[in-house]
């Protein structure tokens, strides 16, 4: 059950991050979910380093959203010409 919730939070965070991002992103729920899951891992890692942890769904969503925006920025800044992920 936790996996399904994690995937749904990743989907929502990825979709919102793609809307927030100033770059033109390709539509699609699969790419939104991938961005959200990577963002969730990145956000959890970064906030864990500075000592902030979340125990709620809202906190997890915020971490995933911030991580997704950071991931999209890093992707478009450094990787978009080298790797085409279809994002």
C-alpha atoms as a PDB file:
ATOM      1  CA  UNK A   1       0.000   0.000   0.000  1.00  0.00           C
ATOM      2  CA  UNK A   2       2.863   2.365   0.761  1.00  0.00           C
ATOM      3  CA  UNK A   3       4.263   1.825  -2.725  1.00  0.00           C
ATOM      4  CA  UNK A   4       0.988   2.914  -4.332  1.00  0.00           C
ATOM      5  CA  UNK A   5       0.847   6.038  -2.159  1.00  0.00           C
ATOM      6  CA  UNK A   6       4.489   6.798  -2.978  1.00  0.00           C
ATOM      7  CA  UNK A   7       3.751   6.457  -6.710  1.00  0.00           C
ATOM      8  CA  UNK A   8       0.680   8.693  -6.481  1.00  0.00           C
ATOM      9  CA  UNK A   9       2.599  11.364  -4.556  1.00  0.00           C
ATOM     10  CA  UNK A  10       5.362  11.118  -7.157  1.00  0.00           C
ATOM     11  CA  UNK A  11       2.832  11.504  -9.964  1.00  0.00           C
ATOM     12  CA  UNK A  12       1.245  14.576  -8.378  1.00  0.00           C
ATOM     13  CA  UNK A  13       4.574  16.178  -7.476  1.00  0.00           C
ATOM     14  CA  UNK A  14       6.040  15.493 -10.920  1.00  0.00           C
ATOM     15  CA  UNK A  15       3.010  16.910 -12.713  1.00  0.00           C
ATOM     16  CA  UNK A  16       3.034  20.061 -10.579  1.00  0.00           C
ATOM     17  CA  UNK A  17       6.808  20.461 -10.957  1.00  0.00           C
ATOM     18  CA  UNK A  18       6.442  20.228 -14.735  1.00  0.00           C
ATOM     19  CA  UNK A  19       3.849  23.031 -14.578  1.00  0.00           C
ATOM     20  CA  UNK A  20       6.061  25.190 -12.336  1.00  0.00           C
ATOM     21  CA  UNK A  21       9.189  24.657 -14.436  1.00  0.00           C
ATOM     22  CA  UNK A  22       9.877  27.468 -16.910  1.00  0.00           C
ATOM     23  CA  UNK A  23      11.004  25.023 -19.621  1.00  0.00           C
ATOM     24  CA  UNK A  24       8.630  23.389 -22.059  1.00  0.00           C
ATOM     25  CA  UNK A  25       7.974  19.891 -20.752  1.00  0.00           C
ATOM     26  CA  UNK A  26       6.393  17.022 -22.648  1.00  0.00           C
ATOM     27  CA  UNK A  27       2.991  15.984 -21.322  1.00  0.00           C
ATOM     28  CA  UNK A  28       2.364  12.514 -20.016  1.00  0.00           C
ATOM     29  CA  UNK A  29       1.693  10.762 -16.773  1.00  0.00           C
ATOM     30  CA  UNK A  30       4.604   8.332 -17.056  1.00  0.00           C
ATOM     31  CA  UNK A  31       7.205  11.084 -17.370  1.00  0.00           C
ATOM     32  CA  UNK A  32       5.495  12.997 -14.546  1.00  0.00           C
ATOM     33  CA  UNK A  33       5.703   9.937 -12.333  1.00  0.00           C
ATOM     34  CA  UNK A  34       9.379   9.395 -13.169  1.00  0.00           C
ATOM     35  CA  UNK A  35      10.175  13.039 -12.412  1.00  0.00           C
ATOM     36  CA  UNK A  36       8.194  12.831  -9.167  1.00  0.00           C
ATOM     37  CA  UNK A  37       9.850   9.624  -7.971  1.00  0.00           C
ATOM     38  CA  UNK A  38      13.327  10.923  -8.714  1.00  0.00           C
ATOM     39  CA  UNK A  39      12.334  14.198  -7.061  1.00  0.00           C
ATOM     40  CA  UNK A  40      11.025  12.344  -4.030  1.00  0.00           C
ATOM     41  CA  UNK A  41      14.324  10.526  -3.607  1.00  0.00           C
ATOM     42  CA  UNK A  42      16.331  13.704  -4.187  1.00  0.00           C
ATOM     43  CA  UNK A  43      14.165  15.796  -1.865  1.00  0.00           C
ATOM     44  CA  UNK A  44      14.265  13.188   0.895  1.00  0.00           C
ATOM     45  CA  UNK A  45      18.033  12.938   0.579  1.00  0.00           C
ATOM     46  CA  UNK A  46      18.626  16.696   0.579  1.00  0.00           C
ATOM     47  CA  UNK A  47      16.280  17.403   3.469  1.00  0.00           C
ATOM     48  CA  UNK A  48      17.735  14.441   5.363  1.00  0.00           C
ATOM     49  CA  UNK A  49      21.203  15.955   5.042  1.00  0.00           C
ATOM     50  CA  UNK A  50      20.088  19.173   6.700  1.00  0.00           C
ATOM     51  CA  UNK A  51      18.160  17.262   9.373  1.00  0.00           C
ATOM     52  CA  UNK A  52      14.549  17.836   8.330  1.00  0.00           C
ATOM     53  CA  UNK A  53      12.281  14.796   8.209  1.00  0.00           C
ATOM     54  CA  UNK A  54       8.641  14.373   7.294  1.00  0.00           C
ATOM     55  CA  UNK A  55       6.141  11.975   8.786  1.00  0.00           C
ATOM     56  CA  UNK A  56       3.051  13.163   6.925  1.00  0.00           C
ATOM     57  CA  UNK A  57       1.780  12.915   3.365  1.00  0.00           C
ATOM     58  CA  UNK A  58       1.803  16.688   2.967  1.00  0.00           C
ATOM     59  CA  UNK A  59       5.426  16.893   4.051  1.00  0.00           C
ATOM     60  CA  UNK A  60       6.368  14.058   1.719  1.00  0.00           C
ATOM     61  CA  UNK A  61       4.587  15.815  -1.134  1.00  0.00           C
ATOM     62  CA  UNK A  62       6.445  19.067  -0.418  1.00  0.00           C
ATOM     63  CA  UNK A  63       9.784  17.227  -0.327  1.00  0.00           C
ATOM     64  CA  UNK A  64       8.941  15.476  -3.600  1.00  0.00           C
ATOM     65  CA  UNK A  65       7.845  18.726  -5.227  1.00  0.00           C
ATOM     66  CA  UNK A  66      10.999  20.597  -4.232  1.00  0.00           C
ATOM     67  CA  UNK A  67      13.162  17.643  -5.281  1.00  0.00           C
ATOM     68  CA  UNK A  68      11.331  17.412  -8.615  1.00  0.00           C
ATOM     69  CA  UNK A  69      11.860  21.093  -9.378  1.00  0.00           C
ATOM     70  CA  UNK A  70      15.558  20.731  -8.507  1.00  0.00           C
ATOM     71  CA  UNK A  71      15.794  17.606 -10.679  1.00  0.00           C
ATOM     72  CA  UNK A  72      14.175  19.354 -13.662  1.00  0.00           C
ATOM     73  CA  UNK A  73      16.513  22.305 -13.251  1.00  0.00           C
ATOM     74  CA  UNK A  74      19.566  20.004 -13.121  1.00  0.00           C
ATOM     75  CA  UNK A  75      18.295  18.004 -16.083  1.00  0.00           C
ATOM     76  CA  UNK A  76      17.732  21.033 -18.304  1.00  0.00           C
ATOM     77  CA  UNK A  77      20.912  22.737 -17.132  1.00  0.00           C
ATOM     78  CA  UNK A  78      23.382  19.875 -17.529  1.00  0.00           C
ATOM     79  CA  UNK A  79      21.891  16.738 -19.061  1.00  0.00           C
ATOM     80  CA  UNK A  80      19.307  17.629 -21.692  1.00  0.00           C
ATOM     81  CA  UNK A  81      21.808  17.711 -24.578  1.00  0.00           C
ATOM     82  CA  UNK A  82      23.595  14.537 -23.450  1.00  0.00           C
ATOM     83  CA  UNK A  83      20.643  12.365 -22.430  1.00  0.00           C
ATOM     84  CA  UNK A  84      17.135  12.440 -23.883  1.00  0.00           C
ATOM     85  CA  UNK A  85      14.783  11.065 -21.221  1.00  0.00           C
ATOM     86  CA  UNK A  86      11.696  12.269 -23.022  1.00  0.00           C
ATOM     87  CA  UNK A  87      10.890  14.747 -20.257  1.00  0.00           C
END
